[in-house]
Amino acid sequence: MLGIEQIELAKRARVARGTIRRMESFEGEIGARTSTLSKVQAILERAGVEFLGGDQPGVRMRKQPAKPSGS
């Protein structure tokens, strides 16, 4: 979605690259420490990813506010 390489995401979240690789390879719920997941989630949210819950969990890019006309 964002085009961020594993190495860059790991660097930004301050976790090991292997951790990101393992997280990406999981099928279903990710088995990782809550603190690690929180770090990675925070980086992705700052980049514009929105995490969805409820009946249809998933992710999507956050809608950007409309720019005023004439800008």
C-alpha atoms as a PDB file:
ATOM      1  CA  MET A   1       0.000   0.000   0.000  1.00  0.00           C
ATOM      2  CA  LEU A   2       2.698   2.442   0.992  1.00  0.00           C
ATOM      3  CA  GLY A   3       5.636   1.039  -0.933  1.00  0.00           C
ATOM      4  CA  ILE A   4       7.804   1.004   2.199  1.00  0.00           C
ATOM      5  CA  GLU A   5      10.498  -1.685   2.136  1.00  0.00           C
ATOM      6  CA  GLN A   6      10.823  -4.007   5.138  1.00  0.00           C
ATOM      7  CA  ILE A   7      14.183  -2.513   6.085  1.00  0.00           C
ATOM      8  CA  GLU A   8      12.742   1.017   6.122  1.00  0.00           C
ATOM      9  CA  LEU A   9       9.672   0.020   8.154  1.00  0.00           C
ATOM     10  CA  ALA A  10      11.888  -1.842  10.630  1.00  0.00           C
ATOM     11  CA  LYS A  11      14.138   1.196  10.954  1.00  0.00           C
ATOM     12  CA  ARG A  12      11.236   3.604  11.501  1.00  0.00           C
ATOM     13  CA  ALA A  13       9.555   1.305  14.057  1.00  0.00           C
ATOM     14  CA  ARG A  14      12.881   0.412  15.699  1.00  0.00           C
ATOM     15  CA  VAL A  15      12.361  -3.321  15.391  1.00  0.00           C
ATOM     16  CA  ALA A  16      14.416  -6.021  13.656  1.00  0.00           C
ATOM     17  CA  ARG A  17      13.922  -6.556   9.927  1.00  0.00           C
ATOM     18  CA  GLY A  18      13.308 -10.259  10.642  1.00  0.00           C
ATOM     19  CA  THR A  19      10.386  -9.226  12.843  1.00  0.00           C
ATOM     20  CA  ILE A  20       8.761  -7.355   9.954  1.00  0.00           C
ATOM     21  CA  ARG A  21       9.429 -10.283   7.614  1.00  0.00           C
ATOM     22  CA  ARG A  22       7.769 -12.718  10.056  1.00  0.00           C
ATOM     23  CA  MET A  23       4.809 -10.382  10.590  1.00  0.00           C
ATOM     24  CA  GLU A  24       4.255 -10.179   6.827  1.00  0.00           C
ATOM     25  CA  SER A  25       4.369 -13.955   6.405  1.00  0.00           C
ATOM     26  CA  PHE A  26       1.696 -14.759   9.042  1.00  0.00           C
ATOM     27  CA  GLU A  27      -1.633 -16.128   7.898  1.00  0.00           C
ATOM     28  CA  GLY A  28      -4.343 -14.850  10.234  1.00  0.00           C
ATOM     29  CA  GLU A  29      -3.599 -13.224  13.568  1.00  0.00           C
ATOM     30  CA  ILE A  30       0.000 -12.051  13.982  1.00  0.00           C
ATOM     31  CA  GLY A  31       1.906 -13.618  16.849  1.00  0.00           C
ATOM     32  CA  ALA A  32       4.153 -10.860  18.188  1.00  0.00           C
ATOM     33  CA  ARG A  33       4.599  -8.818  21.321  1.00  0.00           C
ATOM     34  CA  THR A  34       1.962  -6.161  21.835  1.00  0.00           C
ATOM     35  CA  SER A  35       4.645  -3.470  22.110  1.00  0.00           C
ATOM     36  CA  THR A  36       6.148  -4.513  18.760  1.00  0.00           C
ATOM     37  CA  LEU A  37       2.756  -4.503  17.046  1.00  0.00           C
ATOM     38  CA  SER A  38       2.003  -1.081  18.540  1.00  0.00           C
ATOM     39  CA  LYS A  39       5.257   0.382  17.195  1.00  0.00           C
ATOM     40  CA  VAL A  40       4.640  -0.908  13.678  1.00  0.00           C
ATOM     41  CA  GLN A  41       0.971   0.137  13.742  1.00  0.00           C
ATOM     42  CA  ALA A  42       1.884   3.666  14.854  1.00  0.00           C
ATOM     43  CA  ILE A  43       4.336   4.070  11.960  1.00  0.00           C
ATOM     44  CA  LEU A  44       1.782   2.815   9.440  1.00  0.00           C
ATOM     45  CA  GLU A  45      -0.943   5.087  10.842  1.00  0.00           C
ATOM     46  CA  ARG A  46       1.357   8.122  10.616  1.00  0.00           C
ATOM     47  CA  ALA A  47       1.894   7.214   6.959  1.00  0.00           C
ATOM     48  CA  GLY A  48      -1.876   7.265   6.320  1.00  0.00           C
ATOM     49  CA  VAL A  49      -3.013   3.673   6.905  1.00  0.00           C
ATOM     50  CA  GLU A  50      -6.302   3.259   8.744  1.00  0.00           C
ATOM     51  CA  PHE A  51      -6.929   0.001  10.638  1.00  0.00           C
ATOM     52  CA  LEU A  52     -10.518  -1.222  10.492  1.00  0.00           C
ATOM     53  CA  GLY A  53     -12.319  -3.376  13.038  1.00  0.00           C
ATOM     54  CA  GLY A  54     -15.808  -4.619  13.544  1.00  0.00           C
ATOM     55  CA  ASP A  55     -17.480  -7.037  11.163  1.00  0.00           C
ATOM     56  CA  GLN A  56     -14.982  -6.443   8.349  1.00  0.00           C
ATOM     57  CA  PRO A  57     -11.478  -5.988   9.775  1.00  0.00           C
ATOM     58  CA  GLY A  58      -8.780  -4.802   7.413  1.00  0.00           C
ATOM     59  CA  VAL A  59      -6.809  -1.750   6.390  1.00  0.00           C
ATOM     60  CA  ARG A  60      -7.263   1.109   3.958  1.00  0.00           C
ATOM     61  CA  MET A  61      -5.643   4.429   3.214  1.00  0.00           C
ATOM     62  CA  ARG A  62      -7.112   7.264   5.257  1.00  0.00           C
ATOM     63  CA  LYS A  63      -9.100   9.716   3.175  1.00  0.00           C
ATOM     64  CA  GLN A  64      -7.267  12.975   2.671  1.00  0.00           C
ATOM     65  CA  PRO A  65      -9.244  16.157   3.325  1.00  0.00           C
ATOM     66  CA  ALA A  66     -10.384  17.882   0.152  1.00  0.00           C
ATOM     67  CA  LYS A  67      -8.202  20.786  -0.919  1.00  0.00           C
ATOM     68  CA  PRO A  68      -9.967  24.132  -1.145  1.00  0.00           C
ATOM     69  CA  SER A  69     -10.652  25.194  -4.726  1.00  0.00           C
ATOM     70  CA  GLY A  70      -8.257  27.745  -6.120  1.00  0.00           C
ATOM     71  CA  SER A  71      -5.246  26.279  -4.293  1.00  0.00           C
END
